[in-house]
Amino acid sequence: MSERIAMATDHRGVVLKDALKQRLEQKGHEVVDFGPADDSASVDYPDTVAPAARALAQGEVSRLIVICGTGLGVMYTANRFPGVRTALVHDVETAELARQHNDANGLALSGNRLDLESAWPLVETWLETPFEGGRHQARIEKIDSLTRP
């Protein structure tokens, strides 16, 4: 199933973002790239991640992939927005569990630790794994209620 996916990084995630973007588009997904366009200058991740996370929170995209050196800063930024549940993953198991148990609609990756070949299985698993619902649904509702006015 094709999805509309927002992507954003800082300067340390540009190479991985561009490679993943190309692979996602080859698989039929529409990627909305919030930048940066290249890694020639230092970029503060909140400047690119906040608009991308806002797009997810407002329903303009269905998923979000964010990348920085560690994946931590972009995850913290994305998770400030209502309804955004971004998981930092380093392996297939956590990518799968983030979807099954937490309905993660955002994925944070480490540009320092991952290249396309190591990141793609994480992205693919995250995209293909359904949310289990059931007992996990009530927990998601509790999490989401924390950011409601």
N, C-alpha and C. Protein backbone atom coordinates (compact mmCIF):
# COMPACT_ATOMS: atom_id res chain seq x y z
N MET A 1 0.84 -1.17 0.00
CA MET A 1 0.00 0.00 0.00
C MET A 1 0.89 1.25 0.00
N SER A 2 0.62 2.12 -0.90
CA SER A 2 1.38 3.35 -1.02
C SER A 2 0.92 4.37 0.01
N GLU A 3 1.87 5.07 0.60
CA GLU A 3 1.56 6.07 1.63
C GLU A 3 2.25 7.38 1.31
N ARG A 4 1.78 8.43 1.94
CA ARG A 4 2.41 9.74 1.86
C ARG A 4 3.25 9.89 3.12
N ILE A 5 4.56 9.99 2.95
CA ILE A 5 5.50 9.95 4.07
C ILE A 5 6.32 11.23 4.11
N ALA A 6 6.34 11.89 5.27
CA ALA A 6 7.19 13.06 5.47
C ALA A 6 8.57 12.58 5.91
N MET A 7 9.60 13.27 5.44
CA MET A 7 10.97 12.99 5.86
C MET A 7 11.66 14.29 6.21
N ALA A 8 12.47 14.25 7.27
CA ALA A 8 13.23 15.43 7.68
C ALA A 8 14.48 14.97 8.42
N THR A 9 15.54 15.76 8.31
CA THR A 9 16.80 15.42 8.95
C THR A 9 17.53 16.69 9.38
N ASP A 10 18.67 16.48 10.01
CA ASP A 10 19.65 17.54 10.11
C ASP A 10 20.73 17.22 9.07
N HIS A 11 21.83 17.93 9.10
CA HIS A 11 22.89 17.72 8.11
C HIS A 11 23.50 16.32 8.19
N ARG A 12 23.44 15.68 9.36
CA ARG A 12 24.05 14.36 9.52
C ARG A 12 23.18 13.23 8.97
N GLY A 13 21.95 13.53 8.60
CA GLY A 13 21.08 12.49 8.07
C GLY A 13 20.75 12.61 6.61
N VAL A 14 21.31 13.59 5.93
CA VAL A 14 20.94 13.86 4.54
C VAL A 14 21.23 12.68 3.62
N VAL A 15 22.39 12.09 3.74
CA VAL A 15 22.76 10.99 2.84
C VAL A 15 21.79 9.82 3.00
N LEU A 16 21.49 9.45 4.23
CA LEU A 16 20.54 8.35 4.47
C LEU A 16 19.14 8.74 4.03
N LYS A 17 18.72 9.96 4.32
CA LYS A 17 17.39 10.42 3.89
C LYS A 17 17.23 10.31 2.39
N ASP A 18 18.22 10.81 1.66
CA ASP A 18 18.12 10.80 0.20
C ASP A 18 18.06 9.38 -0.35
N ALA A 19 18.85 8.47 0.23
CA ALA A 19 18.84 7.08 -0.23
C ALA A 19 17.51 6.41 0.10
N LEU A 20 16.99 6.64 1.31
CA LEU A 20 15.69 6.06 1.68
C LEU A 20 14.56 6.65 0.85
N LYS A 21 14.63 7.95 0.61
CA LYS A 21 13.61 8.62 -0.21
C LYS A 21 13.54 7.98 -1.58
N GLN A 22 14.67 7.75 -2.19
CA GLN A 22 14.70 7.12 -3.52
C GLN A 22 14.08 5.73 -3.47
N ARG A 23 14.44 4.94 -2.46
CA ARG A 23 13.91 3.58 -2.33
C ARG A 23 12.40 3.61 -2.08
N LEU A 24 11.95 4.52 -1.22
CA LEU A 24 10.52 4.63 -0.94
C LEU A 24 9.73 5.01 -2.20
N GLU A 25 10.25 5.95 -2.95
CA GLU A 25 9.58 6.36 -4.19
C GLU A 25 9.56 5.23 -5.21
N GLN A 26 10.63 4.44 -5.26
CA GLN A 26 10.65 3.28 -6.15
C GLN A 26 9.57 2.27 -5.76
N LYS A 27 9.24 2.22 -4.47
CA LYS A 27 8.21 1.30 -3.97
C LYS A 27 6.81 1.91 -4.08
N GLY A 28 6.69 3.11 -4.64
CA GLY A 28 5.38 3.71 -4.89
C GLY A 28 4.89 4.68 -3.85
N HIS A 29 5.71 4.99 -2.85
CA HIS A 29 5.30 5.94 -1.83
C HIS A 29 5.56 7.36 -2.30
N GLU A 30 4.75 8.29 -1.82
CA GLU A 30 4.99 9.71 -2.06
C GLU A 30 5.75 10.26 -0.87
N VAL A 31 6.91 10.84 -1.11
CA VAL A 31 7.73 11.38 -0.03
C VAL A 31 7.67 12.90 -0.07
N VAL A 32 7.33 13.48 1.07
CA VAL A 32 7.35 14.93 1.23
C VAL A 32 8.63 15.24 2.01
N ASP A 33 9.59 15.85 1.34
CA ASP A 33 10.92 16.08 1.89
C ASP A 33 10.98 17.47 2.53
N PHE A 34 11.14 17.49 3.85
CA PHE A 34 11.23 18.75 4.59
C PHE A 34 12.67 19.21 4.75
N GLY A 35 13.60 18.50 4.13
CA GLY A 35 14.98 18.95 4.09
C GLY A 35 15.85 18.40 5.20
N PRO A 36 17.09 18.87 5.15
CA PRO A 36 17.66 19.82 4.20
C PRO A 36 18.00 19.15 2.87
N ALA A 37 18.30 19.99 1.88
CA ALA A 37 18.58 19.50 0.53
C ALA A 37 19.97 18.88 0.42
N ASP A 38 20.91 19.36 1.24
CA ASP A 38 22.26 18.80 1.20
C ASP A 38 22.90 18.94 2.57
N ASP A 39 24.08 18.36 2.71
CA ASP A 39 24.77 18.35 4.00
C ASP A 39 25.93 19.35 4.05
N SER A 40 25.87 20.38 3.22
CA SER A 40 26.98 21.33 3.13
C SER A 40 27.03 22.32 4.29
N ALA A 41 25.94 22.47 5.03
CA ALA A 41 25.92 23.40 6.16
C ALA A 41 25.21 22.76 7.34
N SER A 42 25.61 23.13 8.52
CA SER A 42 24.98 22.63 9.73
C SER A 42 23.52 23.09 9.79
N VAL A 43 22.64 22.17 10.17
CA VAL A 43 21.21 22.45 10.26
C VAL A 43 20.73 21.99 11.64
N ASP A 44 19.96 22.82 12.31
CA ASP A 44 19.36 22.43 13.57
C ASP A 44 18.11 21.59 13.28
N TYR A 45 18.10 20.35 13.77
CA TYR A 45 17.01 19.43 13.44
C TYR A 45 15.62 19.94 13.77
N PRO A 46 15.40 20.74 14.81
CA PRO A 46 14.03 21.22 15.03
C PRO A 46 13.49 22.05 13.86
N ASP A 47 14.39 22.71 13.12
CA ASP A 47 13.94 23.55 12.01
C ASP A 47 13.33 22.74 10.87
N THR A 48 13.75 21.50 10.69
CA THR A 48 13.19 20.66 9.63
C THR A 48 12.17 19.65 10.17
N VAL A 49 12.43 19.13 11.37
CA VAL A 49 11.57 18.08 11.93
C VAL A 49 10.23 18.63 12.40
N ALA A 50 10.21 19.80 13.00
CA ALA A 50 8.95 20.35 13.51
C ALA A 50 7.90 20.51 12.40
N PRO A 51 8.23 21.09 11.25
CA PRO A 51 7.21 21.18 10.20
C PRO A 51 6.76 19.80 9.69
N ALA A 52 7.68 18.85 9.64
CA ALA A 52 7.32 17.50 9.19
C ALA A 52 6.40 16.82 10.19
N ALA A 53 6.71 16.94 11.48
CA ALA A 53 5.87 16.35 12.52
C ALA A 53 4.51 17.03 12.57
N ARG A 54 4.49 18.33 12.35
CA ARG A 54 3.22 19.07 12.31
C ARG A 54 2.35 18.54 11.16
N ALA A 55 2.97 18.25 10.03
CA ALA A 55 2.23 17.71 8.88
C ALA A 55 1.60 16.36 9.24
N LEU A 56 2.30 15.54 10.00
CA LEU A 56 1.73 14.27 10.45
C LEU A 56 0.60 14.53 11.45
N ALA A 57 0.83 15.40 12.41
CA ALA A 57 -0.19 15.70 13.41
C ALA A 57 -1.46 16.24 12.78
N GLN A 58 -1.33 16.97 11.69
CA GLN A 58 -2.49 17.58 11.02
C GLN A 58 -3.07 16.69 9.92
N GLY A 59 -2.53 15.48 9.75
CA GLY A 59 -3.10 14.54 8.79
C GLY A 59 -2.71 14.79 7.35
N GLU A 60 -1.71 15.61 7.11
CA GLU A 60 -1.26 15.89 5.74
C GLU A 60 -0.43 14.75 5.17
N VAL A 61 0.17 13.94 6.06
CA VAL A 61 0.91 12.75 5.69
C VAL A 61 0.47 11.64 6.64
N SER A 62 0.74 10.39 6.26
CA SER A 62 0.33 9.28 7.13
C SER A 62 1.47 8.73 7.98
N ARG A 63 2.71 9.05 7.60
CA ARG A 63 3.88 8.56 8.34
C ARG A 63 4.98 9.61 8.32
N LEU A 64 5.98 9.38 9.17
CA LEU A 64 7.08 10.32 9.33
C LEU A 64 8.37 9.53 9.54
N ILE A 65 9.42 9.90 8.81
CA ILE A 65 10.75 9.35 9.06
C ILE A 65 11.69 10.52 9.30
N VAL A 66 12.38 10.49 10.45
CA VAL A 66 13.30 11.56 10.81
C VAL A 66 14.67 10.97 11.15
N ILE A 67 15.70 11.72 10.81
CA ILE A 67 17.07 11.22 10.97
C ILE A 67 17.98 12.34 11.47
N CYS A 68 18.82 12.00 12.44
CA CYS A 68 19.93 12.87 12.83
C CYS A 68 21.09 11.95 13.18
N GLY A 69 22.15 12.48 13.75
CA GLY A 69 23.31 11.64 14.06
C GLY A 69 22.95 10.43 14.89
N THR A 70 22.23 10.64 15.99
CA THR A 70 21.84 9.53 16.87
C THR A 70 20.41 9.08 16.68
N GLY A 71 19.56 9.94 16.16
CA GLY A 71 18.13 9.68 16.08
C GLY A 71 17.38 10.20 17.30
N LEU A 72 18.09 10.56 18.32
CA LEU A 72 17.45 10.99 19.57
C LEU A 72 16.82 12.38 19.45
N GLY A 73 17.57 13.35 19.01
CA GLY A 73 17.05 14.72 18.94
C GLY A 73 15.83 14.83 18.05
N VAL A 74 15.86 14.14 16.91
CA VAL A 74 14.71 14.20 16.01
C VAL A 74 13.50 13.50 16.60
N MET A 75 13.74 12.43 17.37
CA MET A 75 12.64 11.73 18.03
C MET A 75 12.00 12.64 19.08
N TYR A 76 12.84 13.29 19.90
CA TYR A 76 12.30 14.19 20.92
C TYR A 76 11.46 15.29 20.30
N THR A 77 11.96 15.87 19.22
CA THR A 77 11.25 16.96 18.56
C THR A 77 9.92 16.47 18.00
N ALA A 78 9.93 15.38 17.26
CA ALA A 78 8.72 14.88 16.62
C ALA A 78 7.64 14.54 17.66
N ASN A 79 8.05 13.97 18.77
CA ASN A 79 7.08 13.52 19.77
C ASN A 79 6.45 14.64 20.57
N ARG A 80 6.82 15.87 20.31
CA ARG A 80 6.18 17.02 20.96
C ARG A 80 4.82 17.36 20.34
N PHE A 81 4.51 16.74 19.20
CA PHE A 81 3.29 17.09 18.48
C PHE A 81 2.19 16.08 18.78
N PRO A 82 0.96 16.57 18.94
CA PRO A 82 -0.17 15.69 19.30
C PRO A 82 -0.36 14.56 18.29
N GLY A 83 -0.51 13.36 18.81
CA GLY A 83 -0.78 12.21 17.96
C GLY A 83 0.43 11.64 17.25
N VAL A 84 1.59 12.22 17.44
CA VAL A 84 2.81 11.72 16.81
C VAL A 84 3.51 10.79 17.80
N ARG A 85 3.74 9.57 17.35
CA ARG A 85 4.41 8.56 18.16
C ARG A 85 5.60 8.04 17.36
N THR A 86 6.74 8.69 17.57
CA THR A 86 7.95 8.37 16.82
C THR A 86 8.86 7.49 17.66
N ALA A 87 9.27 6.36 17.09
CA ALA A 87 10.12 5.40 17.79
C ALA A 87 11.52 5.42 17.20
N LEU A 88 12.52 5.48 18.06
CA LEU A 88 13.90 5.31 17.65
C LEU A 88 14.18 3.82 17.60
N VAL A 89 14.55 3.32 16.44
CA VAL A 89 14.81 1.88 16.31
C VAL A 89 16.20 1.65 15.73
N HIS A 90 16.80 0.55 16.18
CA HIS A 90 18.12 0.15 15.69
C HIS A 90 18.11 -1.27 15.12
N ASP A 91 16.96 -1.97 15.25
CA ASP A 91 16.88 -3.34 14.74
C ASP A 91 15.45 -3.64 14.31
N VAL A 92 15.30 -4.73 13.59
CA VAL A 92 14.01 -5.11 13.03
C VAL A 92 12.99 -5.41 14.13
N GLU A 93 13.42 -6.03 15.21
CA GLU A 93 12.48 -6.37 16.28
C GLU A 93 11.84 -5.12 16.88
N THR A 94 12.63 -4.09 17.15
CA THR A 94 12.03 -2.89 17.72
C THR A 94 11.17 -2.14 16.71
N ALA A 95 11.52 -2.21 15.43
CA ALA A 95 10.68 -1.60 14.40
C ALA A 95 9.32 -2.30 14.35
N GLU A 96 9.34 -3.62 14.46
CA GLU A 96 8.10 -4.39 14.44
C GLU A 96 7.26 -4.13 15.69
N LEU A 97 7.88 -4.15 16.85
CA LEU A 97 7.14 -3.93 18.10
C LEU A 97 6.62 -2.51 18.21
N ALA A 98 7.37 -1.55 17.67
CA ALA A 98 6.90 -0.16 17.68
C ALA A 98 5.57 -0.03 16.94
N ARG A 99 5.41 -0.78 15.88
CA ARG A 99 4.14 -0.77 15.14
C ARG A 99 3.09 -1.62 15.84
N GLN A 100 3.43 -2.85 16.19
CA GLN A 100 2.45 -3.77 16.77
C GLN A 100 1.87 -3.25 18.07
N HIS A 101 2.70 -2.79 18.97
CA HIS A 101 2.27 -2.43 20.32
C HIS A 101 2.02 -0.94 20.52
N ASN A 102 2.71 -0.09 19.76
CA ASN A 102 2.64 1.35 20.00
C ASN A 102 2.07 2.14 18.85
N ASP A 103 1.70 1.47 17.78
CA ASP A 103 1.15 2.15 16.60
C ASP A 103 2.03 3.34 16.20
N ALA A 104 3.34 3.13 16.20
CA ALA A 104 4.29 4.20 15.87
C ALA A 104 4.04 4.68 14.45
N ASN A 105 3.69 5.95 14.33
CA ASN A 105 3.48 6.53 13.00
C ASN A 105 4.70 7.34 12.57
N GLY A 106 5.70 7.39 13.43
CA GLY A 106 6.97 8.02 13.12
C GLY A 106 8.12 7.08 13.40
N LEU A 107 9.17 7.21 12.62
CA LEU A 107 10.36 6.38 12.76
C LEU A 107 11.57 7.30 12.84
N ALA A 108 12.38 7.15 13.88
CA ALA A 108 13.62 7.91 14.02
C ALA A 108 14.80 6.98 13.80
N LEU A 109 15.75 7.44 13.02
CA LEU A 109 16.92 6.64 12.67
C LEU A 109 18.20 7.40 12.94
N SER A 110 19.27 6.65 13.16
CA SER A 110 20.59 7.23 13.38
C SER A 110 21.36 7.29 12.07
N GLY A 111 21.65 8.49 11.63
CA GLY A 111 22.46 8.66 10.44
C GLY A 111 23.91 8.25 10.64
N ASN A 112 24.38 8.24 11.90
CA ASN A 112 25.75 7.83 12.19
C ASN A 112 25.92 6.32 12.18
N ARG A 113 24.89 5.60 12.55
CA ARG A 113 25.00 4.15 12.72
C ARG A 113 24.46 3.33 11.54
N LEU A 114 23.65 3.96 10.71
CA LEU A 114 22.96 3.20 9.66
C LEU A 114 23.30 3.73 8.27
N ASP A 115 23.38 2.80 7.33
CA ASP A 115 23.43 3.16 5.92
C ASP A 115 22.17 2.59 5.28
N LEU A 116 22.01 2.76 3.99
CA LEU A 116 20.78 2.32 3.33
C LEU A 116 20.52 0.83 3.55
N GLU A 117 21.54 0.02 3.40
CA GLU A 117 21.32 -1.43 3.50
C GLU A 117 20.96 -1.88 4.91
N SER A 118 21.43 -1.18 5.93
CA SER A 118 21.04 -1.56 7.29
C SER A 118 19.74 -0.87 7.72
N ALA A 119 19.44 0.29 7.15
CA ALA A 119 18.21 1.01 7.51
C ALA A 119 16.99 0.49 6.78
N TRP A 120 17.15 0.05 5.54
CA TRP A 120 15.98 -0.34 4.75
C TRP A 120 15.15 -1.45 5.41
N PRO A 121 15.75 -2.51 5.96
CA PRO A 121 14.92 -3.53 6.63
C PRO A 121 14.10 -2.96 7.80
N LEU A 122 14.63 -1.96 8.48
CA LEU A 122 13.90 -1.33 9.58
C LEU A 122 12.69 -0.57 9.04
N VAL A 123 12.92 0.21 7.99
CA VAL A 123 11.85 0.99 7.37
C VAL A 123 10.79 0.06 6.79
N GLU A 124 11.23 -0.95 6.08
CA GLU A 124 10.30 -1.89 5.44
C GLU A 124 9.44 -2.61 6.49
N THR A 125 10.06 -3.06 7.56
CA THR A 125 9.33 -3.73 8.64
C THR A 125 8.31 -2.79 9.26
N TRP A 126 8.74 -1.56 9.54
CA TRP A 126 7.86 -0.55 10.12
C TRP A 126 6.68 -0.25 9.21
N LEU A 127 6.91 -0.18 7.92
CA LEU A 127 5.82 0.10 6.97
C LEU A 127 4.85 -1.07 6.84
N GLU A 128 5.35 -2.28 6.91
CA GLU A 128 4.53 -3.46 6.63
C GLU A 128 3.86 -4.06 7.86
N THR A 129 4.28 -3.69 9.05
CA THR A 129 3.73 -4.29 10.27
C THR A 129 2.47 -3.55 10.70
N PRO A 130 1.37 -4.26 10.88
CA PRO A 130 0.14 -3.60 11.34
C PRO A 130 0.13 -3.43 12.86
N PHE A 131 -0.66 -2.48 13.30
CA PHE A 131 -0.91 -2.28 14.72
C PHE A 131 -1.84 -3.38 15.19
N GLU A 132 -1.54 -4.00 16.32
CA GLU A 132 -2.35 -5.10 16.84
C GLU A 132 -3.65 -4.64 17.47
N GLY A 133 -3.71 -3.40 17.94
CA GLY A 133 -4.92 -2.94 18.60
C GLY A 133 -5.13 -3.67 19.91
N GLY A 134 -6.37 -4.05 20.18
CA GLY A 134 -6.68 -4.79 21.40
C GLY A 134 -6.24 -4.07 22.65
N ARG A 135 -5.52 -4.77 23.51
CA ARG A 135 -5.09 -4.18 24.78
C ARG A 135 -4.17 -2.98 24.58
N HIS A 136 -3.51 -2.90 23.41
CA HIS A 136 -2.61 -1.79 23.14
C HIS A 136 -3.36 -0.51 22.79
N GLN A 137 -4.58 -0.63 22.28
CA GLN A 137 -5.35 0.55 21.88
C GLN A 137 -5.60 1.50 23.05
N ALA A 138 -5.96 0.96 24.19
CA ALA A 138 -6.23 1.81 25.35
C ALA A 138 -4.98 2.56 25.77
N ARG A 139 -3.83 1.94 25.64
CA ARG A 139 -2.57 2.61 26.00
C ARG A 139 -2.27 3.74 25.03
N ILE A 140 -2.52 3.51 23.75
CA ILE A 140 -2.30 4.56 22.75
C ILE A 140 -3.24 5.74 23.04
N GLU A 141 -4.47 5.45 23.37
CA GLU A 141 -5.42 6.52 23.70
C GLU A 141 -4.97 7.31 24.93
N LYS A 142 -4.40 6.63 25.91
CA LYS A 142 -3.89 7.33 27.09
C LYS A 142 -2.72 8.23 26.71
N ILE A 143 -1.81 7.71 25.91
CA ILE A 143 -0.67 8.52 25.46
C ILE A 143 -1.16 9.75 24.71
N ASP A 144 -2.05 9.53 23.75
CA ASP A 144 -2.55 10.65 22.94
C ASP A 144 -3.32 11.65 23.79
N SER A 145 -4.00 11.20 24.83
CA SER A 145 -4.76 12.12 25.67
C SER A 145 -3.85 13.10 26.41
N LEU A 146 -2.60 12.75 26.59
CA LEU A 146 -1.66 13.61 27.32
C LEU A 146 -1.40 14.92 26.59
N THR A 147 -1.60 14.92 25.28
CA THR A 147 -1.30 16.13 24.49
C THR A 147 -2.55 16.85 24.03
N ARG A 148 -3.72 16.36 24.45
CA ARG A 148 -4.96 17.06 24.10
C ARG A 148 -5.17 18.23 25.05
N PRO A 149 -5.69 19.35 24.53
CA PRO A 149 -5.96 20.50 25.41
C PRO A 149 -7.04 20.19 26.43
